[in-house]
Amino acid sequence: MDLGSIKTVRGVRLTMRSSSTDTSIDFAVLGDNSGLTTVSTV
C-alpha cells in the first residue's frame, strides 16, 4: 500500500479471514521508499 508520503509507521492492525480454524497464520510487515514492487525491508 502507498501511504502517499514518507510516514513513521509504529504499528499495523489486521483483521483476517480464513477457512481454517486449527492452523496458524504468520505475518511479515515490510516497508520501503523505492516503490511498491521493491518493498523488502522487514
PDB file of all heavy atoms in Angstrom:
ATOM      1  N   MET A   1       0.830  -1.172   0.000  1.00  0.00           N
ATOM      2  CA  MET A   1       0.000   0.000   0.000  1.00  0.00           C
ATOM      3  C   MET A   1       0.872   1.231   0.000  1.00  0.00           C
ATOM      4  O   MET A   1       1.960   1.212   0.555  1.00  0.00           O
ATOM      5  CB  MET A   1      -0.969  -0.032   1.170  1.00  0.00           C
ATOM      6  CG  MET A   1      -0.352   0.041   2.536  1.00  0.00           C
ATOM      7  SD  MET A   1      -1.517  -0.250   3.882  1.00  0.00           S
ATOM      8  CE  MET A   1      -1.540  -2.003   3.858  1.00  0.00           C
ATOM      9  N   ASP A   2       0.396   2.254  -0.628  1.00  0.00           N
ATOM     10  CA  ASP A   2       1.102   3.525  -0.735  1.00  0.00           C
ATOM     11  C   ASP A   2       0.523   4.459   0.320  1.00  0.00           C
ATOM     12  O   ASP A   2      -0.670   4.753   0.309  1.00  0.00           O
ATOM     13  CB  ASP A   2       0.916   4.080  -2.144  1.00  0.00           C
ATOM     14  CG  ASP A   2       1.698   5.359  -2.387  1.00  0.00           C
ATOM     15  OD1 ASP A   2       2.220   5.964  -1.429  1.00  0.00           O
ATOM     16  OD2 ASP A   2       1.760   5.768  -3.564  1.00  0.00           O
ATOM     17  N   LEU A   3       1.359   4.947   1.228  1.00  0.00           N
ATOM     18  CA  LEU A   3       0.910   5.851   2.282  1.00  0.00           C
ATOM     19  C   LEU A   3       0.852   7.303   1.806  1.00  0.00           C
ATOM     20  O   LEU A   3       0.461   8.182   2.556  1.00  0.00           O
ATOM     21  CB  LEU A   3       1.831   5.730   3.498  1.00  0.00           C
ATOM     22  CG  LEU A   3       1.920   4.331   4.106  1.00  0.00           C
ATOM     23  CD1 LEU A   3       2.934   4.318   5.247  1.00  0.00           C
ATOM     24  CD2 LEU A   3       0.569   3.839   4.572  1.00  0.00           C
ATOM     25  N   GLY A   4       1.260   7.563   0.567  1.00  0.00           N
ATOM     26  CA  GLY A   4       1.171   8.901  -0.009  1.00  0.00           C
ATOM     27  C   GLY A   4       2.426   9.730   0.165  1.00  0.00           C
ATOM     28  O   GLY A   4       2.753  10.555  -0.671  1.00  0.00           O
ATOM     29  N   SER A   5       3.108   9.575   1.281  1.00  0.00           N
ATOM     30  CA  SER A   5       4.382  10.235   1.557  1.00  0.00           C
ATOM     31  C   SER A   5       5.082   9.432   2.648  1.00  0.00           C
ATOM     32  O   SER A   5       4.488   8.518   3.231  1.00  0.00           O
ATOM     33  CB  SER A   5       4.176  11.689   1.989  1.00  0.00           C
ATOM     34  OG  SER A   5       3.443  11.740   3.201  1.00  0.00           O
ATOM     35  N   ILE A   6       6.308   9.779   2.948  1.00  0.00           N
ATOM     36  CA  ILE A   6       7.046   9.035   3.978  1.00  0.00           C
ATOM     37  C   ILE A   6       6.420   9.316   5.340  1.00  0.00           C
ATOM     38  O   ILE A   6       6.209  10.458   5.718  1.00  0.00           O
ATOM     39  CB  ILE A   6       8.532   9.411   3.956  1.00  0.00           C
ATOM     40  CG1 ILE A   6       9.159   8.957   2.641  1.00  0.00           C
ATOM     41  CG2 ILE A   6       9.264   8.806   5.146  1.00  0.00           C
ATOM     42  CD1 ILE A   6      10.599   9.384   2.454  1.00  0.00           C
ATOM     43  N   LYS A   7       6.116   8.249   6.064  1.00  0.00           N
ATOM     44  CA  LYS A   7       5.487   8.314   7.392  1.00  0.00           C
ATOM     45  C   LYS A   7       6.319   7.480   8.364  1.00  0.00           C
ATOM     46  O   LYS A   7       6.975   6.528   7.982  1.00  0.00           O
ATOM     47  CB  LYS A   7       4.063   7.741   7.372  1.00  0.00           C
ATOM     48  CG  LYS A   7       3.161   8.279   6.297  1.00  0.00           C
ATOM     49  CD  LYS A   7       2.665   9.638   6.660  1.00  0.00           C
ATOM     50  CE  LYS A   7       1.666  10.073   5.586  1.00  0.00           C
ATOM     51  NZ  LYS A   7       1.315  11.439   5.644  1.00  0.00           N
ATOM     52  N   THR A   8       6.241   7.813   9.648  1.00  0.00           N
ATOM     53  CA  THR A   8       6.828   6.985  10.697  1.00  0.00           C
ATOM     54  C   THR A   8       5.769   5.976  11.104  1.00  0.00           C
ATOM     55  O   THR A   8       4.778   6.328  11.735  1.00  0.00           O
ATOM     56  CB  THR A   8       7.259   7.832  11.904  1.00  0.00           C
ATOM     57  OG1 THR A   8       8.184   8.812  11.466  1.00  0.00           O
ATOM     58  CG2 THR A   8       7.901   6.955  12.972  1.00  0.00           C
ATOM     59  N   VAL A   9       5.960   4.732  10.729  1.00  0.00           N
ATOM     60  CA  VAL A   9       4.974   3.677  10.960  1.00  0.00           C
ATOM     61  C   VAL A   9       5.302   2.971  12.273  1.00  0.00           C
ATOM     62  O   VAL A   9       6.394   2.434  12.442  1.00  0.00           O
ATOM     63  CB  VAL A   9       4.939   2.677   9.785  1.00  0.00           C
ATOM     64  CG1 VAL A   9       3.925   1.582  10.036  1.00  0.00           C
ATOM     65  CG2 VAL A   9       4.624   3.406   8.492  1.00  0.00           C
ATOM     66  N   ARG A  10       4.341   2.969  13.210  1.00  0.00           N
ATOM     67  CA  ARG A  10       4.557   2.385  14.539  1.00  0.00           C
ATOM     68  C   ARG A  10       3.810   1.064  14.749  1.00  0.00           C
ATOM     69  O   ARG A  10       4.096   0.334  15.674  1.00  0.00           O
ATOM     70  CB  ARG A  10       4.154   3.376  15.602  1.00  0.00           C
ATOM     71  CG  ARG A  10       4.873   4.700  15.435  1.00  0.00           C
ATOM     72  CD  ARG A  10       5.019   5.440  16.722  1.00  0.00           C
ATOM     73  NE  ARG A  10       5.627   6.741  16.499  1.00  0.00           N
ATOM     74  CZ  ARG A  10       6.922   6.957  16.419  1.00  0.00           C
ATOM     75  NH1 ARG A  10       7.752   5.948  16.495  1.00  0.00           N
ATOM     76  NH2 ARG A  10       7.408   8.165  16.228  1.00  0.00           N
ATOM     77  N   GLY A  11       2.837   0.780  13.886  1.00  0.00           N
ATOM     78  CA  GLY A  11       2.110  -0.475  14.025  1.00  0.00           C
ATOM     79  C   GLY A  11       1.082  -0.665  12.935  1.00  0.00           C
ATOM     80  O   GLY A  11       0.698   0.284  12.245  1.00  0.00           O
ATOM     81  N   VAL A  12       0.655  -1.913  12.786  1.00  0.00           N
ATOM     82  CA  VAL A  12      -0.382  -2.277  11.821  1.00  0.00           C
ATOM     83  C   VAL A  12      -1.388  -3.155  12.553  1.00  0.00           C
ATOM     84  O   VAL A  12      -1.012  -4.049  13.303  1.00  0.00           O
ATOM     85  CB  VAL A  12       0.217  -3.045  10.617  1.00  0.00           C
ATOM     86  CG1 VAL A  12      -0.871  -3.562   9.701  1.00  0.00           C
ATOM     87  CG2 VAL A  12       1.174  -2.158   9.843  1.00  0.00           C
ATOM     88  N   ARG A  13      -2.668  -2.876  12.337  1.00  0.00           N
ATOM     89  CA  ARG A  13      -3.742  -3.673  12.928  1.00  0.00           C
ATOM     90  C   ARG A  13      -4.475  -4.373  11.791  1.00  0.00           C
ATOM     91  O   ARG A  13      -4.925  -3.728  10.849  1.00  0.00           O
ATOM     92  CB  ARG A  13      -4.697  -2.768  13.689  1.00  0.00           C
ATOM     93  CG  ARG A  13      -5.795  -3.504  14.398  1.00  0.00           C
ATOM     94  CD  ARG A  13      -6.622  -2.485  15.215  1.00  0.00           C
ATOM     95  NE  ARG A  13      -7.730  -3.115  15.845  1.00  0.00           N
ATOM     96  CZ  ARG A  13      -9.002  -2.857  15.564  1.00  0.00           C
ATOM     97  NH1 ARG A  13      -9.312  -1.943  14.658  1.00  0.00           N
ATOM     98  NH2 ARG A  13      -9.964  -3.474  16.182  1.00  0.00           N
ATOM     99  N   LEU A  14      -4.570  -5.711  11.882  1.00  0.00           N
ATOM    100  CA  LEU A  14      -5.180  -6.521  10.827  1.00  0.00           C
ATOM    101  C   LEU A  14      -6.368  -7.295  11.376  1.00  0.00           C
ATOM    102  O   LEU A  14      -6.311  -7.827  12.480  1.00  0.00           O
ATOM    103  CB  LEU A  14      -4.181  -7.557  10.300  1.00  0.00           C
ATOM    104  CG  LEU A  14      -2.851  -7.075   9.773  1.00  0.00           C
ATOM    105  CD1 LEU A  14      -1.931  -8.253   9.541  1.00  0.00           C
ATOM    106  CD2 LEU A  14      -3.055  -6.294   8.506  1.00  0.00           C
ATOM    107  N   THR A  15      -7.410  -7.385  10.587  1.00  0.00           N
ATOM    108  CA  THR A  15      -8.494  -8.327  10.858  1.00  0.00           C
ATOM    109  C   THR A  15      -8.500  -9.290   9.689  1.00  0.00           C
ATOM    110  O   THR A  15      -8.641  -8.877   8.544  1.00  0.00           O
ATOM    111  CB  THR A  15      -9.853  -7.624  10.985  1.00  0.00           C
ATOM    112  OG1 THR A  15      -9.753  -6.628  12.004  1.00  0.00           O
ATOM    113  CG2 THR A  15     -10.942  -8.604  11.353  1.00  0.00           C
ATOM    114  N   MET A  16      -8.285 -10.557   9.993  1.00  0.00           N
ATOM    115  CA  MET A  16      -8.121 -11.547   8.934  1.00  0.00           C
ATOM    116  C   MET A  16      -9.327 -12.455   8.819  1.00  0.00           C
ATOM    117  O   MET A  16     -10.135 -12.559   9.738  1.00  0.00           O
ATOM    118  CB  MET A  16      -6.877 -12.370   9.206  1.00  0.00           C
ATOM    119  CG  MET A  16      -6.991 -13.237  10.447  1.00  0.00           C
ATOM    120  SD  MET A  16      -5.423 -13.776  11.030  1.00  0.00           S
ATOM    121  CE  MET A  16      -5.369 -12.873  12.561  1.00  0.00           C
ATOM    122  N   ARG A  17      -9.412 -13.110   7.687  1.00  0.00           N
ATOM    123  CA  ARG A  17     -10.431 -14.134   7.438  1.00  0.00           C
ATOM    124  C   ARG A  17      -9.719 -15.341   6.849  1.00  0.00           C
ATOM    125  O   ARG A  17      -8.796 -15.203   6.041  1.00  0.00           O
ATOM    126  CB  ARG A  17     -11.497 -13.637   6.457  1.00  0.00           C
ATOM    127  CG  ARG A  17     -12.295 -12.465   6.978  1.00  0.00           C
ATOM    128  CD  ARG A  17     -13.221 -12.918   8.090  1.00  0.00           C
ATOM    129  NE  ARG A  17     -14.009 -11.837   8.618  1.00  0.00           N
ATOM    130  CZ  ARG A  17     -13.826 -11.287   9.807  1.00  0.00           C
ATOM    131  NH1 ARG A  17     -12.864 -11.695  10.588  1.00  0.00           N
ATOM    132  NH2 ARG A  17     -14.600 -10.319  10.222  1.00  0.00           N
ATOM    133  N   SER A  18     -10.164 -16.532   7.252  1.00  0.00           N
ATOM    134  CA  SER A  18      -9.543 -17.762   6.794  1.00  0.00           C
ATOM    135  C   SER A  18     -10.565 -18.881   6.855  1.00  0.00           C
ATOM    136  O   SER A  18     -11.487 -18.841   7.660  1.00  0.00           O
ATOM    137  CB  SER A  18      -8.339 -18.084   7.686  1.00  0.00           C
ATOM    138  OG  SER A  18      -7.788 -19.314   7.338  1.00  0.00           O
ATOM    139  N   SER A  19     -10.387 -19.900   6.027  1.00  0.00           N
ATOM    140  CA  SER A  19     -11.318 -21.033   6.049  1.00  0.00           C
ATOM    141  C   SER A  19     -10.910 -22.080   7.079  1.00  0.00           C
ATOM    142  O   SER A  19     -11.677 -22.969   7.394  1.00  0.00           O
ATOM    143  CB  SER A  19     -11.391 -21.687   4.671  1.00  0.00           C
ATOM    144  OG  SER A  19     -10.143 -22.244   4.328  1.00  0.00           O
ATOM    145  N   SER A  20      -9.712 -21.973   7.604  1.00  0.00           N
ATOM    146  CA  SER A  20      -9.223 -22.948   8.569  1.00  0.00           C
ATOM    147  C   SER A  20      -9.424 -22.442   9.988  1.00  0.00           C
ATOM    148  O   SER A  20      -9.407 -21.243  10.237  1.00  0.00           O
ATOM    149  CB  SER A  20      -7.738 -23.210   8.328  1.00  0.00           C
ATOM    150  OG  SER A  20      -7.250 -24.120   9.276  1.00  0.00           O
ATOM    151  N   THR A  21      -9.589 -23.353  10.930  1.00  0.00           N
ATOM    152  CA  THR A  21      -9.756 -22.940  12.320  1.00  0.00           C
ATOM    153  C   THR A  21      -8.659 -23.469  13.230  1.00  0.00           C
ATOM    154  O   THR A  21      -8.537 -23.017  14.359  1.00  0.00           O
ATOM    155  CB  THR A  21     -11.105 -23.429  12.872  1.00  0.00           C
ATOM    156  OG1 THR A  21     -11.154 -24.859  12.760  1.00  0.00           O
ATOM    157  CG2 THR A  21     -12.257 -22.810  12.124  1.00  0.00           C
ATOM    158  N   ASP A  22      -7.871 -24.414  12.773  1.00  0.00           N
ATOM    159  CA  ASP A  22      -6.890 -25.016  13.676  1.00  0.00           C
ATOM    160  C   ASP A  22      -5.458 -24.935  13.167  1.00  0.00           C
ATOM    161  O   ASP A  22      -4.604 -25.708  13.565  1.00  0.00           O
ATOM    162  CB  ASP A  22      -7.259 -26.462  13.959  1.00  0.00           C
ATOM    163  CG  ASP A  22      -7.307 -27.302  12.690  1.00  0.00           C
ATOM    164  OD1 ASP A  22      -7.176 -26.730  11.594  1.00  0.00           O
ATOM    165  OD2 ASP A  22      -7.479 -28.517  12.809  1.00  0.00           O
ATOM    166  N   THR A  23      -5.185 -24.006  12.275  1.00  0.00           N
ATOM    167  CA  THR A  23      -3.826 -23.826  11.773  1.00  0.00           C
ATOM    168  C   THR A  23      -3.364 -22.404  12.070  1.00  0.00           C
ATOM    169  O   THR A  23      -4.166 -21.511  12.304  1.00  0.00           O
ATOM    170  CB  THR A  23      -3.734 -24.085  10.266  1.00  0.00           C
ATOM    171  OG1 THR A  23      -4.618 -23.191   9.593  1.00  0.00           O
ATOM    172  CG2 THR A  23      -4.094 -25.511   9.931  1.00  0.00           C
ATOM    173  N   SER A  24      -2.061 -22.210  12.043  1.00  0.00           N
ATOM    174  CA  SER A  24      -1.516 -20.891  12.359  1.00  0.00           C
ATOM    175  C   SER A  24      -1.411 -20.017  11.117  1.00  0.00           C
ATOM    176  O   SER A  24      -1.445 -20.491   9.991  1.00  0.00           O
ATOM    177  CB  SER A  24      -0.146 -21.038  13.009  1.00  0.00           C
ATOM    178  OG  SER A  24       0.774 -21.574  12.092  1.00  0.00           O
ATOM    179  N   ILE A  25      -1.263 -18.720  11.371  1.00  0.00           N
ATOM    180  CA  ILE A  25      -1.055 -17.734  10.319  1.00  0.00           C
ATOM    181  C   ILE A  25       0.166 -16.912  10.712  1.00  0.00           C
ATOM    182  O   ILE A  25       0.248 -16.416  11.831  1.00  0.00           O
ATOM    183  CB  ILE A  25      -2.274 -16.812  10.141  1.00  0.00           C
ATOM    184  CG1 ILE A  25      -3.506 -17.620   9.766  1.00  0.00           C
ATOM    185  CG2 ILE A  25      -1.992 -15.745   9.103  1.00  0.00           C
ATOM    186  CD1 ILE A  25      -4.781 -16.802   9.717  1.00  0.00           C
ATOM    187  N   ASP A  26       1.130 -16.793   9.811  1.00  0.00           N
ATOM    188  CA  ASP A  26       2.327 -15.993  10.034  1.00  0.00           C
ATOM    189  C   ASP A  26       2.249 -14.737   9.186  1.00  0.00           C
ATOM    190  O   ASP A  26       1.854 -14.800   8.016  1.00  0.00           O
ATOM    191  CB  ASP A  26       3.586 -16.769   9.638  1.00  0.00           C
ATOM    192  CG  ASP A  26       3.841 -17.956  10.531  1.00  0.00           C
ATOM    193  OD1 ASP A  26       3.560 -17.859  11.740  1.00  0.00           O
ATOM    194  OD2 ASP A  26       4.314 -18.980  10.024  1.00  0.00           O
ATOM    195  N   PHE A  27       2.652 -13.609   9.757  1.00  0.00           N
ATOM    196  CA  PHE A  27       2.661 -12.339   9.048  1.00  0.00           C
ATOM    197  C   PHE A  27       4.044 -11.722   9.092  1.00  0.00           C
ATOM    198  O   PHE A  27       4.728 -11.785  10.111  1.00  0.00           O
ATOM    199  CB  PHE A  27       1.713 -11.328   9.697  1.00  0.00           C
ATOM    200  CG  PHE A  27       0.277 -11.696   9.632  1.00  0.00           C
ATOM    201  CD1 PHE A  27      -0.343 -12.286  10.708  1.00  0.00           C
ATOM    202  CD2 PHE A  27      -0.462 -11.437   8.497  1.00  0.00           C
ATOM    203  CE1 PHE A  27      -1.673 -12.615  10.663  1.00  0.00           C
ATOM    204  CE2 PHE A  27      -1.800 -11.770   8.436  1.00  0.00           C
ATOM    205  CZ  PHE A  27      -2.395 -12.358   9.519  1.00  0.00           C
ATOM    206  N   ALA A  28       4.430 -11.082   8.007  1.00  0.00           N
ATOM    207  CA  ALA A  28       5.582 -10.196   7.977  1.00  0.00           C
ATOM    208  C   ALA A  28       5.087  -8.874   7.405  1.00  0.00           C
ATOM    209  O   ALA A  28       4.349  -8.851   6.424  1.00  0.00           O
ATOM    210  CB  ALA A  28       6.701 -10.758   7.112  1.00  0.00           C
ATOM    211  N   VAL A  29       5.453  -7.781   8.034  1.00  0.00           N
ATOM    212  CA  VAL A  29       5.134  -6.449   7.528  1.00  0.00           C
ATOM    213  C   VAL A  29       6.440  -5.869   7.003  1.00  0.00           C
ATOM    214  O   VAL A  29       7.444  -5.824   7.720  1.00  0.00           O
ATOM    215  CB  VAL A  29       4.530  -5.550   8.622  1.00  0.00           C
ATOM    216  CG1 VAL A  29       4.225  -4.174   8.070  1.00  0.00           C
ATOM    217  CG2 VAL A  29       3.280  -6.183   9.211  1.00  0.00           C
ATOM    218  N   LEU A  30       6.425  -5.460   5.743  1.00  0.00           N
ATOM    219  CA  LEU A  30       7.624  -4.949   5.076  1.00  0.00           C
ATOM    220  C   LEU A  30       7.404  -3.510   4.653  1.00  0.00           C
ATOM    221  O   LEU A  30       6.262  -3.108   4.385  1.00  0.00           O
ATOM    222  CB  LEU A  30       7.950  -5.807   3.856  1.00  0.00           C
ATOM    223  CG  LEU A  30       8.191  -7.284   4.160  1.00  0.00           C
ATOM    224  CD1 LEU A  30       6.938  -8.075   3.847  1.00  0.00           C
ATOM    225  CD2 LEU A  30       9.347  -7.809   3.379  1.00  0.00           C
ATOM    226  N   GLY A  31       8.471  -2.734   4.572  1.00  0.00           N
ATOM    227  CA  GLY A  31       8.369  -1.340   4.168  1.00  0.00           C
ATOM    228  C   GLY A  31       9.535  -0.914   3.319  1.00  0.00           C
ATOM    229  O   GLY A  31      10.608  -1.530   3.347  1.00  0.00           O
ATOM    230  N   ASP A  32       9.342   0.176   2.573  1.00  0.00           N
ATOM    231  CA  ASP A  32      10.388   0.681   1.693  1.00  0.00           C
ATOM    232  C   ASP A  32       9.978   2.066   1.205  1.00  0.00           C
ATOM    233  O   ASP A  32       8.830   2.468   1.367  1.00  0.00           O
ATOM    234  CB  ASP A  32      10.582  -0.260   0.500  1.00  0.00           C
ATOM    235  CG  ASP A  32      11.971  -0.177  -0.097  1.00  0.00           C
ATOM    236  OD1 ASP A  32      12.350   0.933  -0.514  1.00  0.00           O
ATOM    237  OD2 ASP A  32      12.655  -1.199  -0.140  1.00  0.00           O
ATOM    238  N   ASN A  33      10.904   2.763   0.582  1.00  0.00           N
ATOM    239  CA  ASN A  33      10.617   4.070  -0.009  1.00  0.00           C
ATOM    240  C   ASN A  33      10.789   4.089  -1.518  1.00  0.00           C
ATOM    241  O   ASN A  33      10.498   5.074  -2.163  1.00  0.00           O
ATOM    242  CB  ASN A  33      11.521   5.149   0.605  1.00  0.00           C
ATOM    243  CG  ASN A  33      11.159   5.420   2.031  1.00  0.00           C
ATOM    244  OD1 ASN A  33       9.985   5.467   2.381  1.00  0.00           O
ATOM    245  ND2 ASN A  33      12.153   5.574   2.883  1.00  0.00           N
ATOM    246  N   SER A  34      11.292   2.994  -2.099  1.00  0.00           N
ATOM    247  CA  SER A  34      11.634   2.967  -3.517  1.00  0.00           C
ATOM    248  C   SER A  34      10.451   2.719  -4.436  1.00  0.00           C
ATOM    249  O   SER A  34      10.474   3.131  -5.581  1.00  0.00           O
ATOM    250  CB  SER A  34      12.690   1.900  -3.774  1.00  0.00           C
ATOM    251  OG  SER A  34      13.834   2.177  -3.018  1.00  0.00           O
ATOM    252  N   GLY A  35       9.451   2.005  -3.984  1.00  0.00           N
ATOM    253  CA  GLY A  35       8.306   1.696  -4.837  1.00  0.00           C
ATOM    254  C   GLY A  35       7.638   0.417  -4.391  1.00  0.00           C
ATOM    255  O   GLY A  35       8.210  -0.390  -3.656  1.00  0.00           O
ATOM    256  N   LEU A  36       6.412   0.226  -4.836  1.00  0.00           N
ATOM    257  CA  LEU A  36       5.638  -0.934  -4.407  1.00  0.00           C
ATOM    258  C   LEU A  36       6.257  -2.256  -4.835  1.00  0.00           C
ATOM    259  O   LEU A  36       6.108  -3.265  -4.147  1.00  0.00           O
ATOM    260  CB  LEU A  36       4.209  -0.833  -4.941  1.00  0.00           C
ATOM    261  CG  LEU A  36       3.325   0.206  -4.253  1.00  0.00           C
ATOM    262  CD1 LEU A  36       1.995   0.336  -4.979  1.00  0.00           C
ATOM    263  CD2 LEU A  36       3.099  -0.154  -2.803  1.00  0.00           C
ATOM    264  N   THR A  37       6.953  -2.289  -5.940  1.00  0.00           N
ATOM    265  CA  THR A  37       7.499  -3.562  -6.419  1.00  0.00           C
ATOM    266  C   THR A  37       8.796  -3.951  -5.720  1.00  0.00           C
ATOM    267  O   THR A  37       9.263  -5.072  -5.875  1.00  0.00           O
ATOM    268  CB  THR A  37       7.748  -3.512  -7.937  1.00  0.00           C
ATOM    269  OG1 THR A  37       8.671  -2.451  -8.215  1.00  0.00           O
ATOM    270  CG2 THR A  37       6.457  -3.296  -8.685  1.00  0.00           C
ATOM    271  N   THR A  38       9.391  -3.049  -4.942  1.00  0.00           N
ATOM    272  CA  THR A  38      10.664  -3.336  -4.289  1.00  0.00           C
ATOM    273  C   THR A  38      10.574  -3.373  -2.771  1.00  0.00           C
ATOM    274  O   THR A  38      11.595  -3.351  -2.104  1.00  0.00           O
ATOM    275  CB  THR A  38      11.721  -2.297  -4.696  1.00  0.00           C
ATOM    276  OG1 THR A  38      11.277  -1.002  -4.275  1.00  0.00           O
ATOM    277  CG2 THR A  38      11.962  -2.314  -6.190  1.00  0.00           C
ATOM    278  N   VAL A  39       9.393  -3.413  -2.206  1.00  0.00           N
ATOM    279  CA  VAL A  39       9.240  -3.401  -0.755  1.00  0.00           C
ATOM    280  C   VAL A  39       9.839  -4.677  -0.182  1.00  0.00           C
ATOM    281  O   VAL A  39       9.345  -5.777  -0.432  1.00  0.00           O
ATOM    282  CB  VAL A  39       7.756  -3.263  -0.354  1.00  0.00           C
ATOM    283  CG1 VAL A  39       7.594  -3.327   1.148  1.00  0.00           C
ATOM    284  CG2 VAL A  39       7.177  -1.966  -0.891  1.00  0.00           C
ATOM    285  N   SER A  40      10.947  -4.537   0.585  1.00  0.00           N
ATOM    286  CA  SER A  40      11.646  -5.736   1.028  1.00  0.00           C
ATOM    287  C   SER A  40      12.195  -5.676   2.450  1.00  0.00           C
ATOM    288  O   SER A  40      12.650  -6.682   2.961  1.00  0.00           O
ATOM    289  CB  SER A  40      12.799  -6.033   0.065  1.00  0.00           C
ATOM    290  OG  SER A  40      13.694  -4.943   0.057  1.00  0.00           O
ATOM    291  N   THR A  41      12.173  -4.536   3.102  1.00  0.00           N
ATOM    292  CA  THR A  41      12.727  -4.423   4.448  1.00  0.00           C
ATOM    293  C   THR A  41      11.696  -4.879   5.473  1.00  0.00           C
ATOM    294  O   THR A  41      10.607  -4.299   5.569  1.00  0.00           O
ATOM    295  CB  THR A  41      13.144  -2.968   4.739  1.00  0.00           C
ATOM    296  OG1 THR A  41      14.075  -2.551   3.751  1.00  0.00           O
ATOM    297  CG2 THR A  41      13.761  -2.847   6.118  1.00  0.00           C
ATOM    298  N   VAL A  42      12.016  -5.911   6.237  1.00  0.00           N
ATOM    299  CA  VAL A  42      11.081  -6.438   7.236  1.00  0.00           C
ATOM    300  C   VAL A  42      11.029  -5.489   8.425  1.00  0.00           C
ATOM    301  O   VAL A  42      12.048  -5.159   9.031  1.00  0.00           O
ATOM    302  CB  VAL A  42      11.499  -7.849   7.697  1.00  0.00           C
ATOM    303  CG1 VAL A  42      10.591  -8.335   8.810  1.00  0.00           C
ATOM    304  CG2 VAL A  42      11.487  -8.816   6.530  1.00  0.00           C
TER     305      VAL A  42
END
